[in-house]
C-alpha atoms as a PDB file:
ATOM      1  CA  UNK A   1      -5.955 -27.297  24.406  1.00  0.00           C
ATOM      2  CA  UNK A   2      -8.430 -26.909  21.411  1.00  0.00           C
ATOM      3  CA  UNK A   3      -7.591 -25.339  17.527  1.00  0.00           C
ATOM      4  CA  UNK A   4     -10.962 -25.149  16.332  1.00  0.00           C
ATOM      5  CA  UNK A   5     -11.737 -24.536  12.929  1.00  0.00           C
ATOM      6  CA  UNK A   6     -14.702 -23.771  10.996  1.00  0.00           C
ATOM      7  CA  UNK A   7     -15.902 -25.726   7.887  1.00  0.00           C
ATOM      8  CA  UNK A   8     -17.640 -24.155   4.396  1.00  0.00           C
ATOM      9  CA  UNK A   9     -17.462 -25.130   0.966  1.00  0.00           C
ATOM     10  CA  UNK A  10     -14.315 -24.173  -0.492  1.00  0.00           C
ATOM     11  CA  UNK A  11     -12.264 -24.661   2.297  1.00  0.00           C
ATOM     12  CA  UNK A  12      -8.824 -24.915   1.644  1.00  0.00           C
ATOM     13  CA  UNK A  13      -7.217 -28.452   1.749  1.00  0.00           C
ATOM     14  CA  UNK A  14      -3.839 -27.204   2.534  1.00  0.00           C
ATOM     15  CA  UNK A  15      -3.795 -25.705   5.683  1.00  0.00           C
ATOM     16  CA  UNK A  16      -6.488 -28.165   7.234  1.00  0.00           C
ATOM     17  CA  UNK A  17      -3.604 -31.035   6.500  1.00  0.00           C
ATOM     18  CA  UNK A  18      -0.858 -28.438   8.034  1.00  0.00           C
ATOM     19  CA  UNK A  19      -2.700 -28.300  11.144  1.00  0.00           C
ATOM     20  CA  UNK A  20      -2.909 -32.432  11.217  1.00  0.00           C
ATOM     21  CA  UNK A  21       0.424 -33.024  11.198  1.00  0.00           C
ATOM     22  CA  UNK A  22       1.197 -29.731  13.504  1.00  0.00           C
ATOM     23  CA  UNK A  23      -1.322 -30.717  16.152  1.00  0.00           C
ATOM     24  CA  UNK A  24       0.388 -34.464  15.858  1.00  0.00           C
ATOM     25  CA  UNK A  25       3.945 -33.161  16.592  1.00  0.00           C
ATOM     26  CA  UNK A  26       3.246 -30.109  18.692  1.00  0.00           C
ATOM     27  CA  UNK A  27       1.172 -33.108  20.857  1.00  0.00           C
ATOM     28  CA  UNK A  28       4.239 -35.629  20.393  1.00  0.00           C
ATOM     29  CA  UNK A  29       6.544 -32.575  21.883  1.00  0.00           C
ATOM     30  CA  UNK A  30       4.497 -32.040  25.251  1.00  0.00           C
ATOM     31  CA  UNK A  31       4.580 -35.974  25.231  1.00  0.00           C
ATOM     32  CA  UNK A  32       8.587 -35.098  25.340  1.00  0.00           C
ATOM     33  CA  UNK A  33       8.024 -32.917  27.484  1.00  0.00           C
ATOM     34  CA  UNK A  34       6.273 -34.764  29.829  1.00  0.00           C
ATOM     35  CA  UNK A  35       3.446 -32.501  29.847  1.00  0.00           C
ATOM     36  CA  UNK A  36       0.503 -33.804  29.606  1.00  0.00           C
ATOM     37  CA  UNK A  37      -1.267 -31.404  27.397  1.00  0.00           C
ATOM     38  CA  UNK A  38      -3.240 -32.695  23.478  1.00  0.00           C
ATOM     39  CA  UNK A  39      -3.172 -30.302  20.851  1.00  0.00           C
ATOM     40  CA  UNK A  40      -6.392 -31.483  18.772  1.00  0.00           C
ATOM     41  CA  UNK A  41      -8.247 -29.694  16.146  1.00  0.00           C
ATOM     42  CA  UNK A  42     -11.641 -29.402  16.318  1.00  0.00           C
ATOM     43  CA  UNK A  43     -13.686 -28.963  12.986  1.00  0.00           C
ATOM     44  CA  UNK A  44     -16.786 -26.594  13.235  1.00  0.00           C
ATOM     45  CA  UNK A  45     -19.904 -27.170  10.836  1.00  0.00           C
ATOM     46  CA  UNK A  46     -23.442 -25.881  10.995  1.00  0.00           C
ATOM     47  CA  UNK A  47     -25.234 -29.186  10.375  1.00  0.00           C
ATOM     48  CA  UNK A  48     -23.450 -33.028  11.346  1.00  0.00           C
ATOM     49  CA  UNK A  49     -22.763 -33.680   7.426  1.00  0.00           C
ATOM     50  CA  UNK A  50     -19.780 -33.716   5.405  1.00  0.00           C
ATOM     51  CA  UNK A  51     -18.362 -30.045   3.796  1.00  0.00           C
ATOM     52  CA  UNK A  52     -17.260 -30.482   0.402  1.00  0.00           C
ATOM     53  CA  UNK A  53     -13.905 -29.268   0.849  1.00  0.00           C
ATOM     54  CA  UNK A  54     -12.052 -27.281  -2.472  1.00  0.00           C
ATOM     55  CA  UNK A  55     -10.652 -29.758  -5.140  1.00  0.00           C
ATOM     56  CA  UNK A  56     -13.522 -32.709  -3.744  1.00  0.00           C
ATOM     57  CA  UNK A  57     -12.968 -33.956  -0.914  1.00  0.00           C
ATOM     58  CA  UNK A  58     -15.294 -34.329   1.440  1.00  0.00           C
ATOM     59  CA  UNK A  59     -15.143 -34.011   5.550  1.00  0.00           C
ATOM     60  CA  UNK A  60     -16.679 -34.796   8.811  1.00  0.00           C
ATOM     61  CA  UNK A  61     -17.019 -31.985  11.039  1.00  0.00           C
ATOM     62  CA  UNK A  62     -16.463 -33.232  14.940  1.00  0.00           C
ATOM     63  CA  UNK A  63     -18.715 -30.675  16.723  1.00  0.00           C
ATOM     64  CA  UNK A  64     -21.330 -27.854  15.235  1.00  0.00           C
ATOM     65  CA  UNK A  65     -21.606 -23.815  16.022  1.00  0.00           C
ATOM     66  CA  UNK A  66     -24.821 -24.202  18.024  1.00  0.00           C
ATOM     67  CA  UNK A  67     -22.359 -26.826  20.851  1.00  0.00           C
ATOM     68  CA  UNK A  68     -19.725 -23.502  20.950  1.00  0.00           C
ATOM     69  CA  UNK A  69     -16.988 -25.713  22.568  1.00  0.00           C
ATOM     70  CA  UNK A  70     -13.757 -24.503  24.035  1.00  0.00           C
ATOM     71  CA  UNK A  71     -11.588 -23.478  21.961  1.00  0.00           C
ATOM     72  CA  UNK A  72      -8.200 -22.196  22.350  1.00  0.00           C
ATOM     73  CA  UNK A  73      -7.722 -21.091  19.556  1.00  0.00           C
ATOM     74  CA  UNK A  74      -9.716 -20.268  16.026  1.00  0.00           C
ATOM     75  CA  UNK A  75      -8.226 -20.612  13.009  1.00  0.00           C
ATOM     76  CA  UNK A  76     -10.290 -19.426   9.884  1.00  0.00           C
ATOM     77  CA  UNK A  77      -8.725 -20.731   6.277  1.00  0.00           C
ATOM     78  CA  UNK A  78     -10.670 -18.988   3.321  1.00  0.00           C
ATOM     79  CA  UNK A  79     -10.346 -20.962   0.441  1.00  0.00           C
ATOM     80  CA  UNK A  80      -8.361 -20.523  -2.079  1.00  0.00           C
ATOM     81  CA  UNK A  81     -10.340 -18.612  -5.224  1.00  0.00           C
ATOM     82  CA  UNK A  82     -12.769 -16.144  -5.006  1.00  0.00           C
ATOM     83  CA  UNK A  83     -16.751 -17.716  -4.805  1.00  0.00           C
ATOM     84  CA  UNK A  84     -15.702 -21.221  -3.456  1.00  0.00           C
ATOM     85  CA  UNK A  85     -18.162 -20.901  -0.612  1.00  0.00           C
ATOM     86  CA  UNK A  86     -21.976 -20.998  -0.361  1.00  0.00           C
ATOM     87  CA  UNK A  87     -23.210 -17.771   0.788  1.00  0.00           C
ATOM     88  CA  UNK A  88     -25.704 -20.059   3.808  1.00  0.00           C
ATOM     89  CA  UNK A  89     -21.863 -21.325   4.597  1.00  0.00           C
ATOM     90  CA  UNK A  90     -20.457 -17.641   5.355  1.00  0.00           C
ATOM     91  CA  UNK A  91     -23.590 -16.801   6.528  1.00  0.00           C
ATOM     92  CA  UNK A  92     -23.155 -19.596   9.215  1.00  0.00           C
ATOM     93  CA  UNK A  93     -19.314 -19.333  10.273  1.00  0.00           C
ATOM     94  CA  UNK A  94     -20.409 -15.374  10.501  1.00  0.00           C
ATOM     95  CA  UNK A  95     -22.760 -15.792  12.777  1.00  0.00           C
ATOM     96  CA  UNK A  96     -20.399 -18.104  14.677  1.00  0.00           C
ATOM     97  CA  UNK A  97     -17.939 -16.108  14.932  1.00  0.00           C
ATOM     98  CA  UNK A  98     -19.345 -12.883  16.112  1.00  0.00           C
ATOM     99  CA  UNK A  99     -21.909 -15.268  18.633  1.00  0.00           C
ATOM    100  CA  UNK A 100     -18.319 -16.431  20.623  1.00  0.00           C
ATOM    101  CA  UNK A 101     -15.827 -13.411  20.036  1.00  0.00           C
ATOM    102  CA  UNK A 102     -16.250 -12.330  23.662  1.00  0.00           C
ATOM    103  CA  UNK A 103     -14.822 -16.897  23.947  1.00  0.00           C
ATOM    104  CA  UNK A 104     -11.910 -15.977  21.538  1.00  0.00           C
ATOM    105  CA  UNK A 105      -9.313 -14.285  22.114  1.00  0.00           C
ATOM    106  CA  UNK A 106      -6.459 -15.633  19.938  1.00  0.00           C
ATOM    107  CA  UNK A 107      -7.173 -15.810  15.672  1.00  0.00           C
ATOM    108  CA  UNK A 108      -4.909 -17.323  12.909  1.00  0.00           C
ATOM    109  CA  UNK A 109      -6.328 -16.657   9.505  1.00  0.00           C
ATOM    110  CA  UNK A 110      -5.961 -16.716   5.796  1.00  0.00           C
ATOM    111  CA  UNK A 111      -7.315 -15.730   2.595  1.00  0.00           C
ATOM    112  CA  UNK A 112     -10.814 -14.953   2.908  1.00  0.00           C
ATOM    113  CA  UNK A 113     -10.865 -16.039   6.137  1.00  0.00           C
ATOM    114  CA  UNK A 114      -8.843 -12.592   6.998  1.00  0.00           C
ATOM    115  CA  UNK A 115     -12.290 -11.282   5.877  1.00  0.00           C
ATOM    116  CA  UNK A 116     -14.639 -12.959   7.899  1.00  0.00           C
ATOM    117  CA  UNK A 117     -12.785 -11.678  11.361  1.00  0.00           C
ATOM    118  CA  UNK A 118     -12.830  -8.199  10.244  1.00  0.00           C
ATOM    119  CA  UNK A 119     -16.509  -8.631   8.529  1.00  0.00           C
ATOM    120  CA  UNK A 120     -17.221 -10.593  12.236  1.00  0.00           C
ATOM    121  CA  UNK A 121     -15.911  -7.063  14.282  1.00  0.00           C
ATOM    122  CA  UNK A 122     -12.537  -8.881  15.313  1.00  0.00           C
ATOM    123  CA  UNK A 123     -10.173  -6.527  14.468  1.00  0.00           C
ATOM    124  CA  UNK A 124     -11.466  -3.806  16.229  1.00  0.00           C
ATOM    125  CA  UNK A 125     -10.348  -3.428  20.039  1.00  0.00           C
ATOM    126  CA  UNK A 126      -7.278  -6.091  18.781  1.00  0.00           C
ATOM    127  CA  UNK A 127      -4.264  -6.232  18.392  1.00  0.00           C
ATOM    128  CA  UNK A 128      -3.815  -7.738  14.758  1.00  0.00           C
ATOM    129  CA  UNK A 129      -0.116  -9.077  12.404  1.00  0.00           C
ATOM    130  CA  UNK A 130      -0.614  -8.788   9.269  1.00  0.00           C
ATOM    131  CA  UNK A 131       1.591 -10.726   7.235  1.00  0.00           C
ATOM    132  CA  UNK A 132       0.869 -10.163   3.467  1.00  0.00           C
ATOM    133  CA  UNK A 133      -2.339  -9.685   3.471  1.00  0.00           C
ATOM    134  CA  UNK A 134      -4.684 -11.041   0.258  1.00  0.00           C
ATOM    135  CA  UNK A 135      -4.485  -7.760  -1.785  1.00  0.00           C
ATOM    136  CA  UNK A 136      -8.232  -8.209  -2.373  1.00  0.00           C
ATOM    137  CA  UNK A 137      -8.809  -8.137   1.170  1.00  0.00           C
ATOM    138  CA  UNK A 138      -6.508  -5.764   2.354  1.00  0.00           C
ATOM    139  CA  UNK A 139      -8.349  -3.619  -1.574  1.00  0.00           C
ATOM    140  CA  UNK A 140     -11.720  -3.896   1.560  1.00  0.00           C
ATOM    141  CA  UNK A 141     -10.317  -3.031   5.019  1.00  0.00           C
ATOM    142  CA  UNK A 142      -7.232  -1.402   4.926  1.00  0.00           C
ATOM    143  CA  UNK A 143      -8.633   1.434   6.667  1.00  0.00           C
ATOM    144  CA  UNK A 144      -9.919  -0.905  10.257  1.00  0.00           C
ATOM    145  CA  UNK A 145      -6.092  -2.795   9.487  1.00  0.00           C
ATOM    146  CA  UNK A 146      -3.780  -0.084   9.458  1.00  0.00           C
ATOM    147  CA  UNK A 147      -6.208   1.040  13.075  1.00  0.00           C
ATOM    148  CA  UNK A 148      -5.782  -2.117  14.542  1.00  0.00           C
ATOM    149  CA  UNK A 149      -2.224  -3.274  13.457  1.00  0.00           C
ATOM    150  CA  UNK A 150       1.022  -3.357  15.872  1.00  0.00           C
ATOM    151  CA  UNK A 151       3.937  -4.892  14.675  1.00  0.00           C
ATOM    152  CA  UNK A 152       4.633  -6.390  17.864  1.00  0.00           C
ATOM    153  CA  UNK A 153       4.321 -10.567  17.602  1.00  0.00           C
ATOM    154  CA  UNK A 154       2.095 -11.065  20.888  1.00  0.00           C
ATOM    155  CA  UNK A 155      -0.897  -9.958  18.217  1.00  0.00           C
ATOM    156  CA  UNK A 156      -4.393 -11.384  18.812  1.00  0.00           C
ATOM    157  CA  UNK A 157      -5.593 -12.129  15.333  1.00  0.00           C
ATOM    158  CA  UNK A 158      -2.279 -13.099  12.771  1.00  0.00           C
ATOM    159  CA  UNK A 159      -3.148 -13.692   9.116  1.00  0.00           C
ATOM    160  CA  UNK A 160      -1.252 -14.671   6.542  1.00  0.00           C
ATOM    161  CA  UNK A 161      -1.561 -15.655   2.166  1.00  0.00           C
ATOM    162  CA  UNK A 162      -0.652 -18.187   1.281  1.00  0.00           C
ATOM    163  CA  UNK A 163      -0.218 -21.805   3.668  1.00  0.00           C
ATOM    164  CA  UNK A 164       3.465 -21.851   4.613  1.00  0.00           C
ATOM    165  CA  UNK A 165       2.883 -18.113   5.840  1.00  0.00           C
ATOM    166  CA  UNK A 166      -0.167 -19.521   7.579  1.00  0.00           C
ATOM    167  CA  UNK A 167       2.781 -21.823   8.746  1.00  0.00           C
ATOM    168  CA  UNK A 168       4.849 -19.767  10.721  1.00  0.00           C
ATOM    169  CA  UNK A 169       2.670 -18.084  12.650  1.00  0.00           C
ATOM    170  CA  UNK A 170       0.779 -20.898  13.454  1.00  0.00           C
ATOM    171  CA  UNK A 171       4.005 -22.240  14.771  1.00  0.00           C
ATOM    172  CA  UNK A 172       4.178 -18.920  16.871  1.00  0.00           C
ATOM    173  CA  UNK A 173       1.120 -19.190  18.684  1.00  0.00           C
ATOM    174  CA  UNK A 174       1.961 -22.596  19.853  1.00  0.00           C
ATOM    175  CA  UNK A 175       5.335 -20.680  21.180  1.00  0.00           C
ATOM    176  CA  UNK A 176       3.730 -18.212  22.683  1.00  0.00           C
ATOM    177  CA  UNK A 177       0.554 -20.214  24.204  1.00  0.00           C
ATOM    178  CA  UNK A 178       2.132 -23.409  25.194  1.00  0.00           C
ATOM    179  CA  UNK A 179       6.288 -22.651  25.544  1.00  0.00           C
ATOM    180  CA  UNK A 180       6.804 -24.851  21.802  1.00  0.00           C
ATOM    181  CA  UNK A 181       9.300 -24.564  20.077  1.00  0.00           C
ATOM    182  CA  UNK A 182       8.719 -25.937  16.712  1.00  0.00           C
ATOM    183  CA  UNK A 183      10.558 -23.438  13.943  1.00  0.00           C
ATOM    184  CA  UNK A 184      13.682 -26.051  13.026  1.00  0.00           C
ATOM    185  CA  UNK A 185      10.315 -28.159  11.475  1.00  0.00           C
ATOM    186  CA  UNK A 186       9.791 -24.854   9.242  1.00  0.00           C
ATOM    187  CA  UNK A 187      11.572 -26.261   6.435  1.00  0.00           C
ATOM    188  CA  UNK A 188      11.192 -29.890   5.965  1.00  0.00           C
ATOM    189  CA  UNK A 189       7.499 -28.828   5.328  1.00  0.00           C
ATOM    190  CA  UNK A 190       7.252 -25.335   3.375  1.00  0.00           C
ATOM    191  CA  UNK A 191       8.259 -27.621   0.757  1.00  0.00           C
ATOM    192  CA  UNK A 192       5.310 -30.097   0.721  1.00  0.00           C
ATOM    193  CA  UNK A 193       2.654 -27.197   0.622  1.00  0.00           C
ATOM    194  CA  UNK A 194       3.466 -26.634  -2.979  1.00  0.00           C
ATOM    195  CA  UNK A 195       3.236 -31.127  -3.768  1.00  0.00           C
ATOM    196  CA  UNK A 196      -0.103 -31.343  -2.236  1.00  0.00           C
ATOM    197  CA  UNK A 197      -1.606 -28.499  -3.722  1.00  0.00           C
ATOM    198  CA  UNK A 198      -0.774 -29.221  -7.318  1.00  0.00           C
ATOM    199  CA  UNK A 199      -2.712 -32.358  -6.435  1.00  0.00           C
ATOM    200  CA  UNK A 200      -4.836 -30.973  -5.171  1.00  0.00           C
ATOM    201  CA  UNK A 201      -5.823 -28.803  -8.507  1.00  0.00           C
ATOM    202  CA  UNK A 202      -9.534 -29.858 -10.419  1.00  0.00           C
ATOM    203  CA  UNK A 203      -7.713 -30.263 -13.054  1.00  0.00           C
ATOM    204  CA  UNK A 204      -4.963 -32.085 -12.175  1.00  0.00           C
ATOM    205  CA  UNK A 205      -7.948 -34.358 -10.672  1.00  0.00           C
ATOM    206  CA  UNK A 206      -9.069 -36.391 -12.746  1.00  0.00           C
ATOM    207  CA  UNK A 207     -10.948 -39.375 -11.108  1.00  0.00           C
ATOM    208  CA  UNK A 208      -8.141 -39.563  -8.833  1.00  0.00           C
ATOM    209  CA  UNK A 209      -9.491 -40.588  -4.806  1.00  0.00           C
ATOM    210  CA  UNK A 210     -10.265 -37.719  -2.726  1.00  0.00           C
ATOM    211  CA  UNK A 211      -8.335 -38.904   0.509  1.00  0.00           C
ATOM    212  CA  UNK A 212      -5.261 -36.601   0.768  1.00  0.00           C
ATOM    213  CA  UNK A 213      -2.883 -37.420   3.546  1.00  0.00           C
ATOM    214  CA  UNK A 214      -3.421 -35.600   6.501  1.00  0.00           C
ATOM    215  CA  UNK A 215      -7.567 -35.085   5.997  1.00  0.00           C
ATOM    216  CA  UNK A 216     -10.033 -37.408   7.409  1.00  0.00           C
ATOM    217  CA  UNK A 217     -11.793 -37.784   3.933  1.00  0.00           C
ATOM    218  CA  UNK A 218     -15.729 -39.101   2.926  1.00  0.00           C
ATOM    219  CA  UNK A 219     -16.550 -40.193  -0.918  1.00  0.00           C
ATOM    220  CA  UNK A 220     -19.528 -38.850  -2.618  1.00  0.00           C
ATOM    221  CA  UNK A 221     -22.867 -41.116  -1.969  1.00  0.00           C
END
């Protein structure tokens, strides 16, 4: 099972770290059941160069948009602050999403990632599960969302405004796709979010090492 994540400058590293932990946990759960499937996170970008995340860490992509790797789920993660992403990165990720729209069935988004999916027209014809959509995004896309929102929890496009809710949505998608019941681990992981986010605050980082638990990062050249 492959979960694709577009990398853009200013990407929120907290959900990225969640994905790494969740993939390892889901793969272990599959193994306990005698299921050979593994859950792999595929980081995507327009170029092979390392992408600078919000907070300063750099991460290299696993694949390029033009390679169009087969994905079971696309996870769109926006920056935690407006204006943190280079417009060229947003243009590239939008072009990829639009070009891949017929191949993408299960979508999870948080923050500005919700806006990317809506901008690419992926809400049209799909059921959308809205979980605390960021106010700025809702103000712009409220009419479109209202036309395509279904309260059922088997929607194709899932949205969340913060990492804890984002994790809950991912757990539900894994349950839907692989029959994995990982809900009991949520309480263990939610408190970790605030700790990591505080550690990643630019004011608190100083000259701290760029390498955070759960992220493969590179130092500036």
